[in-house]
Amino acid sequence: MLPGMSTYLGWGMAAFGDAAQMFKGDVPFGATATRASVGLGILAAVPRESRSSARVDFAYPVVPDKDAKHLAIRFTYSLIGRSFWRETGQLARARVGTPASDIFAWP
């Protein structure tokens, strides 16, 4: 990495595995099958303490399938602070500001 970039850029890597069972249900020509993949993800946040992050995932199918691609690449951008927790309006109003200091003064 370029010198000094670590003060502005936060980054990390993640390895992952994914598996799913698909059922044909009422779909004509459907098939019940199991799919699995393994992959590597690269995450970045600019600036370093930002609540937003960008992610690039590379996934490779483990179970062979003639219809599956050999390598899947997915780009994701998310605002972590907005999707994880949101306070109710009543609680947010209760946290706004501090009371005036003169309400505790006795004449």
C-alpha atoms as a PDB file:
ATOM      1  CA  MET A   1       0.000   0.000   0.000  1.00  0.00           C
ATOM      2  CA  LEU A   2       1.109   3.566  -0.560  1.00  0.00           C
ATOM      3  CA  PRO A   3       2.865   5.251   2.383  1.00  0.00           C
ATOM      4  CA  GLY A   4       0.472   7.281   4.520  1.00  0.00           C
ATOM      5  CA  MET A   5      -2.692   5.754   3.021  1.00  0.00           C
ATOM      6  CA  SER A   6      -3.420   3.738   6.165  1.00  0.00           C
ATOM      7  CA  THR A   7      -4.443   6.967   7.916  1.00  0.00           C
ATOM      8  CA  TYR A   8      -7.189   7.528   5.314  1.00  0.00           C
ATOM      9  CA  LEU A   9      -8.145   4.017   4.213  1.00  0.00           C
ATOM     10  CA  GLY A  10      -9.417   1.139   6.327  1.00  0.00           C
ATOM     11  CA  TRP A  11      -9.429  -2.252   4.632  1.00  0.00           C
ATOM     12  CA  GLY A  12      -9.736  -5.932   5.372  1.00  0.00           C
ATOM     13  CA  MET A  13     -10.225  -9.356   3.841  1.00  0.00           C
ATOM     14  CA  ALA A  14     -12.750 -12.093   4.541  1.00  0.00           C
ATOM     15  CA  ALA A  15     -12.944 -15.744   3.495  1.00  0.00           C
ATOM     16  CA  PHE A  16     -16.411 -17.250   3.244  1.00  0.00           C
ATOM     17  CA  GLY A  17     -18.323 -20.389   2.370  1.00  0.00           C
ATOM     18  CA  ASP A  18     -21.898 -20.594   1.159  1.00  0.00           C
ATOM     19  CA  ALA A  19     -24.280 -23.547   0.725  1.00  0.00           C
ATOM     20  CA  ALA A  20     -27.961 -23.810  -0.215  1.00  0.00           C
ATOM     21  CA  GLN A  21     -30.585 -26.428  -0.976  1.00  0.00           C
ATOM     22  CA  MET A  22     -32.926 -25.553  -3.863  1.00  0.00           C
ATOM     23  CA  PHE A  23     -36.303 -27.261  -4.198  1.00  0.00           C
ATOM     24  CA  LYS A  24     -38.201 -27.592  -7.480  1.00  0.00           C
ATOM     25  CA  GLY A  25     -41.632 -27.024  -5.947  1.00  0.00           C
ATOM     26  CA  ASP A  26     -44.351 -26.509  -8.586  1.00  0.00           C
ATOM     27  CA  VAL A  27     -41.993 -25.191 -11.281  1.00  0.00           C
ATOM     28  CA  PRO A  28     -42.054 -27.179 -14.527  1.00  0.00           C
ATOM     29  CA  PHE A  29     -38.699 -28.742 -15.398  1.00  0.00           C
ATOM     30  CA  GLY A  30     -37.395 -27.764 -11.957  1.00  0.00           C
ATOM     31  CA  ALA A  31     -34.891 -29.862 -10.056  1.00  0.00           C
ATOM     32  CA  THR A  32     -33.992 -30.211  -6.406  1.00  0.00           C
ATOM     33  CA  ALA A  33     -30.272 -29.585  -6.004  1.00  0.00           C
ATOM     34  CA  THR A  34     -27.575 -28.464  -3.591  1.00  0.00           C
ATOM     35  CA  ARG A  35     -25.220 -25.626  -4.493  1.00  0.00           C
ATOM     36  CA  ALA A  36     -22.084 -24.531  -2.652  1.00  0.00           C
ATOM     37  CA  SER A  37     -19.317 -21.991  -3.184  1.00  0.00           C
ATOM     38  CA  VAL A  38     -16.224 -20.645  -1.464  1.00  0.00           C
ATOM     39  CA  GLY A  39     -14.713 -17.227  -1.874  1.00  0.00           C
ATOM     40  CA  LEU A  40     -12.734 -14.225  -0.776  1.00  0.00           C
ATOM     41  CA  GLY A  41     -13.966 -10.712  -0.034  1.00  0.00           C
ATOM     42  CA  ILE A  42     -12.030  -7.440   0.076  1.00  0.00           C
ATOM     43  CA  LEU A  43     -13.542  -4.620   2.154  1.00  0.00           C
ATOM     44  CA  ALA A  44     -12.615  -0.922   2.208  1.00  0.00           C
ATOM     45  CA  ALA A  45     -13.774   2.175   4.082  1.00  0.00           C
ATOM     46  CA  VAL A  46     -12.801   5.758   3.204  1.00  0.00           C
ATOM     47  CA  PRO A  47     -12.243   7.584   5.505  1.00  0.00           C
ATOM     48  CA  ARG A  48     -10.926   4.983   7.913  1.00  0.00           C
ATOM     49  CA  GLU A  49     -13.618   5.462  10.617  1.00  0.00           C
ATOM     50  CA  SER A  50     -16.451   5.759   8.107  1.00  0.00           C
ATOM     51  CA  ARG A  51     -19.755   3.931   8.577  1.00  0.00           C
ATOM     52  CA  SER A  52     -19.914   3.225   4.860  1.00  0.00           C
ATOM     53  CA  SER A  53     -17.982   0.396   3.258  1.00  0.00           C
ATOM     54  CA  ALA A  54     -17.324  -0.971  -0.189  1.00  0.00           C
ATOM     55  CA  ARG A  55     -16.848  -4.684  -0.771  1.00  0.00           C
ATOM     56  CA  VAL A  56     -15.760  -6.885  -3.672  1.00  0.00           C
ATOM     57  CA  ASP A  57     -16.511 -10.616  -3.387  1.00  0.00           C
ATOM     58  CA  PHE A  58     -15.020 -13.348  -5.546  1.00  0.00           C
ATOM     59  CA  ALA A  59     -16.860 -16.699  -5.337  1.00  0.00           C
ATOM     60  CA  TYR A  60     -16.103 -20.027  -6.994  1.00  0.00           C
ATOM     61  CA  PRO A  61     -18.678 -22.861  -7.161  1.00  0.00           C
ATOM     62  CA  VAL A  62     -17.647 -26.054  -5.323  1.00  0.00           C
ATOM     63  CA  VAL A  63     -20.421 -28.275  -6.704  1.00  0.00           C
ATOM     64  CA  PRO A  64     -20.039 -28.601 -10.495  1.00  0.00           C
ATOM     65  CA  ASP A  65     -22.986 -27.321 -12.528  1.00  0.00           C
ATOM     66  CA  LYS A  66     -23.208 -26.858 -16.283  1.00  0.00           C
ATOM     67  CA  ASP A  67     -25.300 -23.690 -15.847  1.00  0.00           C
ATOM     68  CA  ALA A  68     -23.087 -22.056 -13.202  1.00  0.00           C
ATOM     69  CA  LYS A  69     -20.364 -19.567 -14.033  1.00  0.00           C
ATOM     70  CA  HIS A  70     -16.803 -20.483 -13.137  1.00  0.00           C
ATOM     71  CA  LEU A  71     -16.232 -17.304 -11.106  1.00  0.00           C
ATOM     72  CA  ALA A  72     -18.740 -14.828  -9.712  1.00  0.00           C
ATOM     73  CA  ILE A  73     -17.742 -11.265  -8.834  1.00  0.00           C
ATOM     74  CA  ARG A  74     -20.042  -9.044  -6.775  1.00  0.00           C
ATOM     75  CA  PHE A  75     -19.616  -5.373  -5.827  1.00  0.00           C
ATOM     76  CA  THR A  76     -21.457  -4.048  -2.763  1.00  0.00           C
ATOM     77  CA  TYR A  77     -21.625  -0.622  -1.135  1.00  0.00           C
ATOM     78  CA  SER A  78     -23.408  -0.210   2.192  1.00  0.00           C
ATOM     79  CA  LEU A  79     -24.083   2.379   4.862  1.00  0.00           C
ATOM     80  CA  ILE A  80     -23.614   0.274   7.983  1.00  0.00           C
ATOM     81  CA  GLY A  81     -24.982   2.856  10.403  1.00  0.00           C
ATOM     82  CA  ARG A  82     -28.306   3.173   8.557  1.00  0.00           C
ATOM     83  CA  SER A  83     -29.040  -0.505   8.115  1.00  0.00           C
ATOM     84  CA  PHE A  84     -28.028  -1.904  11.500  1.00  0.00           C
ATOM     85  CA  TRP A  85     -29.749   0.185  14.155  1.00  0.00           C
ATOM     86  CA  ARG A  86     -32.206   3.013  14.121  1.00  0.00           C
ATOM     87  CA  GLU A  87     -33.579   4.523  17.312  1.00  0.00           C
ATOM     88  CA  THR A  88     -37.269   5.284  17.657  1.00  0.00           C
ATOM     89  CA  GLY A  89     -38.290   8.920  17.294  1.00  0.00           C
ATOM     90  CA  GLN A  90     -39.247   9.172  20.968  1.00  0.00           C
ATOM     91  CA  LEU A  91     -35.811   7.971  22.108  1.00  0.00           C
ATOM     92  CA  ALA A  92     -34.000  10.238  19.635  1.00  0.00           C
ATOM     93  CA  ARG A  93     -35.925  13.284  20.941  1.00  0.00           C
ATOM     94  CA  ALA A  94     -35.042  12.337  24.526  1.00  0.00           C
ATOM     95  CA  ARG A  95     -31.326  12.348  23.646  1.00  0.00           C
ATOM     96  CA  VAL A  96     -31.356  15.792  21.999  1.00  0.00           C
ATOM     97  CA  GLY A  97     -29.349  18.358  23.948  1.00  0.00           C
ATOM     98  CA  THR A  98     -28.820  18.807  27.655  1.00  0.00           C
ATOM     99  CA  PRO A  99     -31.198  20.749  29.901  1.00  0.00           C
ATOM    100  CA  ALA A 100     -30.375  24.349  30.681  1.00  0.00           C
ATOM    101  CA  SER A 101     -28.060  24.685  33.676  1.00  0.00           C
ATOM    102  CA  ASP A 102     -30.193  27.359  35.365  1.00  0.00           C
ATOM    103  CA  ILE A 103     -33.061  24.960  36.108  1.00  0.00           C
ATOM    104  CA  PHE A 104     -31.000  23.608  39.022  1.00  0.00           C
ATOM    105  CA  ALA A 105     -30.181  27.027  40.476  1.00  0.00           C
ATOM    106  CA  TRP A 106     -32.181  28.083  43.537  1.00  0.00           C
ATOM    107  CA  PRO A 107     -33.047  31.781  43.785  1.00  0.00           C
END
